[in-house]
Amino acid sequence: MTQEELDALMSGDIDDMDSFEDEQSTSVQDDLEVAEDESFDELEAEEDVGVKKDREEPVGYTKQTAHHWPMPATDENKMVHQLDDVTKESEEKASEIFDIIDGVSNKLMESEDFVNTVVETLESNIKLFITLNKKFPDVEAFAVQLEKNTTALDEANQIADALQSGGDSIMSVMDIMQYQDIHRQKIERVINVMRALSNYMNSLFEGRIDDDKRVSSAQHIAGDTHNELASNEDIEALLASFAK
């Protein structure tokens, strides 16, 4: 009898000792079953994690050896898909750049026209003030305006030269951007060669019978030295040796 049972008996809370013992044993059994269930669930969870990890990471795969393994054949890693995306995006971005360059070039040409108009006006003013300055040398205002217009003409000519230089640079950029189209054509030629090789290999290994109609391959053939099947680990190790 435990101390708990003795205390309960002395206090008069227990009338039937047998029923009390049955309740205690039932409670203990329930606790044991719950503990066993929890440990079983934890074990299953650990096994699931281990299986998932084994499926995600083949034998011999580590972060240090990841570069030796081929990339999975997803849409993000398929070579032709990647090259197609490169040519498409490159062509779209090049078109946008050409539009921007064309807009800048048009603005420069308009600015050159405005500056040329200003230059013509300043040249006309200079001729006028030269004439006035000669006829009225004592009038200081004519000499001052002649000097200001001459300075403004020099600055306008400098602006015109800068705009002309900017236009020439824009044309050079457009000529350089033509190489983008050449690069696109080179990539497309590589794509065509890869697709031709792929089609050739598919045609080379093509059979007359559909795969779903073929007889399953024999697992054991007379003359085999053993009847053991290759395990997944053996197959993965073989593939890893090919990758090296």
Protein backbone atom coordinates (compact mmCIF):
# COMPACT_ATOMS: atom_id res chain seq x y z
CA MET A 1 0.00 0.00 0.00
CA THR A 2 1.34 3.39 -0.94
CA GLN A 3 1.45 6.47 1.27
CA GLU A 4 -1.34 8.03 -0.81
CA GLU A 5 -3.61 5.01 -0.23
CA LEU A 6 -2.83 4.97 3.50
CA ASP A 7 -3.64 8.68 3.85
CA ALA A 8 -6.91 8.25 1.97
CA LEU A 9 -7.88 5.25 4.11
CA MET A 10 -7.13 7.07 7.38
CA SER A 11 -9.19 10.08 6.33
CA GLY A 12 -12.14 7.87 5.44
CA ASP A 13 -12.32 8.89 1.77
CA ILE A 14 -12.03 5.28 0.60
CA ASP A 15 -14.75 2.78 1.36
CA ASP A 16 -13.66 0.06 -1.04
CA MET A 17 -9.92 -0.54 -1.23
CA ASP A 18 -10.23 -2.89 -4.22
CA SER A 19 -12.05 -0.33 -6.37
CA PHE A 20 -9.47 2.31 -5.46
CA GLU A 21 -6.63 0.04 -6.52
CA ASP A 22 -8.40 -0.70 -9.81
CA GLU A 23 -8.78 3.00 -10.51
CA GLN A 24 -5.13 3.65 -9.74
CA SER A 25 -3.94 0.82 -12.00
CA THR A 26 -6.23 2.03 -14.82
CA SER A 27 -4.84 5.57 -14.53
CA VAL A 28 -1.26 4.33 -14.64
CA GLN A 29 -2.03 2.15 -17.67
CA ASP A 30 -3.60 5.11 -19.49
CA ASP A 31 -0.54 7.26 -18.79
CA LEU A 32 1.74 4.53 -20.16
CA GLU A 33 -0.36 4.21 -23.33
CA VAL A 34 -0.30 7.99 -23.93
CA ALA A 35 3.48 8.06 -23.47
CA GLU A 36 3.89 5.13 -25.89
CA ASP A 37 1.68 6.88 -28.48
CA GLU A 38 3.65 10.11 -28.18
CA SER A 39 6.99 8.31 -28.56
CA PHE A 40 5.64 6.39 -31.56
CA ASP A 41 4.47 9.63 -33.21
CA GLU A 42 7.88 11.22 -32.59
CA LEU A 43 9.60 8.18 -34.08
CA GLU A 44 7.36 8.29 -37.15
CA ALA A 45 8.04 12.01 -37.57
CA GLU A 46 11.80 11.42 -37.38
CA GLU A 47 11.51 8.61 -39.93
CA ASP A 48 9.47 10.84 -42.27
CA VAL A 49 12.07 13.59 -42.01
CA GLY A 50 14.83 11.07 -42.70
CA VAL A 51 13.02 9.68 -45.73
CA LYS A 52 12.30 13.17 -47.06
CA LYS A 53 15.93 14.16 -46.57
CA ASP A 54 17.09 11.01 -48.35
CA ARG A 55 14.79 11.78 -51.27
CA GLU A 56 15.92 15.39 -51.54
CA GLU A 57 19.64 14.72 -51.11
CA PRO A 58 21.08 11.69 -52.96
CA VAL A 59 23.89 9.61 -51.50
CA GLY A 60 27.14 11.53 -51.67
CA TYR A 61 25.42 14.90 -52.12
CA THR A 62 26.80 17.67 -49.93
CA LYS A 63 27.16 21.41 -50.16
CA GLN A 64 30.82 20.91 -51.07
CA THR A 65 30.00 18.49 -53.92
CA ALA A 66 26.82 20.24 -55.12
CA HIS A 67 28.61 21.68 -58.17
CA HIS A 68 29.38 18.13 -59.39
CA TRP A 69 25.69 17.24 -59.64
CA PRO A 70 23.59 18.22 -62.66
CA MET A 71 20.76 20.67 -62.17
CA PRO A 72 17.24 19.21 -62.09
CA ALA A 73 15.39 19.28 -65.43
CA THR A 74 12.94 22.03 -64.52
CA ASP A 75 11.76 24.90 -66.71
CA GLU A 76 14.16 27.19 -64.87
CA ASN A 77 17.17 25.01 -65.70
CA LYS A 78 16.40 23.76 -69.21
CA MET A 79 19.07 25.19 -71.48
CA VAL A 80 16.93 25.99 -74.50
CA HIS A 81 14.31 27.60 -72.26
CA GLN A 82 16.98 29.77 -70.70
CA LEU A 83 18.40 30.82 -74.07
CA ASP A 84 14.94 31.55 -75.45
CA ASP A 85 14.26 33.78 -72.45
CA VAL A 86 17.59 35.55 -72.94
CA THR A 87 16.94 36.32 -76.61
CA LYS A 88 13.37 37.44 -75.94
CA GLU A 89 14.22 39.72 -73.00
CA SER A 90 17.32 41.05 -74.76
CA GLU A 91 15.32 42.00 -77.84
CA GLU A 92 12.62 43.68 -75.72
CA LYS A 93 15.13 45.69 -73.68
CA ALA A 94 17.08 46.67 -76.78
CA SER A 95 13.87 47.96 -78.38
CA GLU A 96 13.16 50.04 -75.26
CA ILE A 97 16.70 51.44 -75.31
CA PHE A 98 16.40 52.37 -78.99
CA ASP A 99 13.14 54.20 -78.27
CA ILE A 100 14.78 56.19 -75.47
CA ILE A 101 17.82 57.00 -77.58
CA ASP A 102 15.62 58.09 -80.47
CA GLY A 103 13.69 60.41 -78.16
CA VAL A 104 16.92 61.95 -76.79
CA SER A 105 18.25 62.39 -80.33
CA ASN A 106 15.08 64.23 -81.41
CA LYS A 107 15.33 66.54 -78.39
CA LEU A 108 18.94 67.36 -79.24
CA MET A 109 18.04 68.17 -82.82
CA GLU A 110 15.24 70.50 -81.67
CA SER A 111 17.62 72.20 -79.26
CA GLU A 112 20.15 72.70 -82.06
CA ASP A 113 17.49 74.42 -84.15
CA PHE A 114 16.63 76.75 -81.23
CA VAL A 115 20.30 77.58 -80.66
CA ASN A 116 20.86 78.27 -84.36
CA THR A 117 17.95 80.73 -84.27
CA VAL A 118 19.51 82.46 -81.25
CA VAL A 119 22.88 82.60 -83.00
CA GLU A 120 21.35 84.24 -86.08
CA THR A 121 19.62 86.84 -83.86
CA LEU A 122 22.83 87.62 -81.98
CA GLU A 123 24.81 87.96 -85.22
CA SER A 124 22.21 90.41 -86.51
CA ASN A 125 22.39 92.41 -83.27
CA ILE A 126 26.17 92.50 -83.41
CA LYS A 127 26.11 93.92 -86.95
CA LEU A 128 23.63 96.57 -85.84
CA PHE A 129 25.62 97.62 -82.78
CA ILE A 130 28.85 97.72 -84.78
CA THR A 131 27.24 100.18 -87.18
CA LEU A 132 25.76 102.25 -84.34
CA ASN A 133 29.02 102.25 -82.43
CA LYS A 134 30.87 103.57 -85.47
CA LYS A 135 28.36 106.36 -86.14
CA PHE A 136 27.93 107.28 -82.50
CA PRO A 137 31.22 106.48 -80.73
CA ASP A 138 30.34 108.72 -77.83
CA VAL A 139 27.24 106.67 -76.92
CA GLU A 140 28.50 104.16 -74.37
CA ALA A 141 25.32 102.02 -74.46
CA PHE A 142 26.06 100.89 -78.02
CA ALA A 143 29.53 99.72 -77.06
CA VAL A 144 28.21 97.89 -73.97
CA GLN A 145 25.48 96.09 -75.95
CA LEU A 146 27.98 95.20 -78.65
CA GLU A 147 30.21 93.53 -76.05
CA LYS A 148 27.28 91.67 -74.40
CA ASN A 149 25.97 90.35 -77.70
CA THR A 150 29.44 89.24 -78.72
CA THR A 151 29.84 87.30 -75.45
CA ALA A 152 26.37 85.77 -75.83
CA LEU A 153 27.20 84.71 -79.38
CA ASP A 154 30.32 82.88 -78.19
CA GLU A 155 28.34 81.06 -75.50
CA ALA A 156 25.58 80.15 -77.98
CA ASN A 157 28.17 78.70 -80.35
CA GLN A 158 29.60 76.62 -77.50
CA ILE A 159 26.13 75.28 -76.69
CA ALA A 160 25.58 74.45 -80.37
CA ASP A 161 28.90 72.56 -80.47
CA ALA A 162 27.94 70.63 -77.29
CA LEU A 163 24.57 69.66 -78.77
CA GLN A 164 26.24 68.57 -81.98
CA SER A 165 28.72 66.46 -80.00
CA GLY A 166 25.86 64.90 -78.01
CA GLY A 167 24.05 64.01 -81.23
CA ASP A 168 27.19 62.36 -82.59
CA SER A 169 27.55 60.36 -79.34
CA ILE A 170 23.93 59.21 -79.62
CA MET A 171 24.57 57.97 -83.14
CA SER A 172 27.64 56.09 -81.90
CA VAL A 173 25.55 54.43 -79.17
CA MET A 174 22.97 53.35 -81.74
CA ASP A 175 25.72 51.86 -83.89
CA ILE A 176 27.10 49.95 -80.90
CA MET A 177 23.62 48.67 -80.03
CA GLN A 178 23.49 46.99 -83.43
CA TYR A 179 25.84 44.37 -81.98
CA GLN A 180 23.03 43.29 -79.70
CA ASP A 181 21.16 41.98 -82.73
CA ILE A 182 24.28 40.11 -83.83
CA HIS A 183 24.56 38.51 -80.38
CA ARG A 184 20.90 37.51 -80.53
CA GLN A 185 21.47 35.85 -83.89
CA LYS A 186 24.44 33.93 -82.49
CA ILE A 187 22.39 32.67 -79.56
CA GLU A 188 19.57 31.66 -81.89
CA ARG A 189 22.08 29.73 -84.01
CA VAL A 190 23.25 27.88 -80.89
CA ILE A 191 19.62 27.11 -80.03
CA ASN A 192 19.00 25.75 -83.52
CA VAL A 193 22.07 23.49 -83.30
CA MET A 194 21.01 22.21 -79.87
CA ARG A 195 17.49 21.52 -81.08
CA ALA A 196 18.82 19.74 -84.18
CA LEU A 197 21.05 17.53 -81.99
CA SER A 198 18.14 16.81 -79.66
CA ASN A 199 15.87 15.83 -82.55
CA TYR A 200 18.65 13.69 -84.03
CA MET A 201 19.19 11.83 -80.73
CA ASN A 202 15.45 11.30 -80.31
CA SER A 203 15.24 9.94 -83.85
CA LEU A 204 18.30 7.75 -83.29
CA PHE A 205 16.80 6.08 -80.21
CA GLU A 206 13.29 5.93 -81.59
CA GLY A 207 11.64 2.49 -81.55
CA ARG A 208 8.80 0.93 -83.49
CA ILE A 209 6.94 -0.08 -80.33
CA ASP A 210 5.49 2.36 -77.84
CA ASP A 211 7.04 2.16 -74.39
CA ASP A 212 3.70 1.42 -72.71
CA LYS A 213 3.24 -1.61 -75.02
CA ARG A 214 6.67 -3.13 -74.36
CA VAL A 215 7.13 -6.29 -72.33
CA SER A 216 8.68 -5.60 -68.95
CA SER A 217 12.40 -6.33 -68.76
CA ALA A 218 13.52 -9.54 -67.12
CA GLN A 219 15.04 -9.07 -63.69
CA HIS A 220 17.14 -12.25 -63.79
CA ILE A 221 18.62 -13.96 -66.83
CA ALA A 222 20.16 -17.41 -66.99
CA GLY A 223 23.90 -17.14 -66.44
CA ASP A 224 23.75 -14.27 -63.97
CA THR A 225 26.23 -14.75 -61.15
CA HIS A 226 23.68 -13.63 -58.57
CA ASN A 227 19.99 -12.85 -58.30
CA GLU A 228 20.31 -9.69 -56.24
CA LEU A 229 18.68 -6.56 -57.60
CA ALA A 230 20.61 -3.31 -57.69
CA SER A 231 19.60 -1.08 -54.79
CA ASN A 232 18.84 2.62 -55.06
CA GLU A 233 22.15 3.34 -53.36
CA ASP A 234 24.04 1.36 -56.02
CA ILE A 235 22.26 3.18 -58.83
CA GLU A 236 22.91 6.60 -57.30
CA ALA A 237 26.57 5.73 -56.73
CA LEU A 238 26.84 4.68 -60.39
CA LEU A 239 25.28 7.93 -61.55
CA ALA A 240 27.62 9.86 -59.28
CA SER A 241 30.64 8.14 -60.84
CA PHE A 242 29.37 9.13 -64.30
CA ALA A 243 28.97 12.73 -63.16
CA LYS A 244 32.63 12.80 -62.04
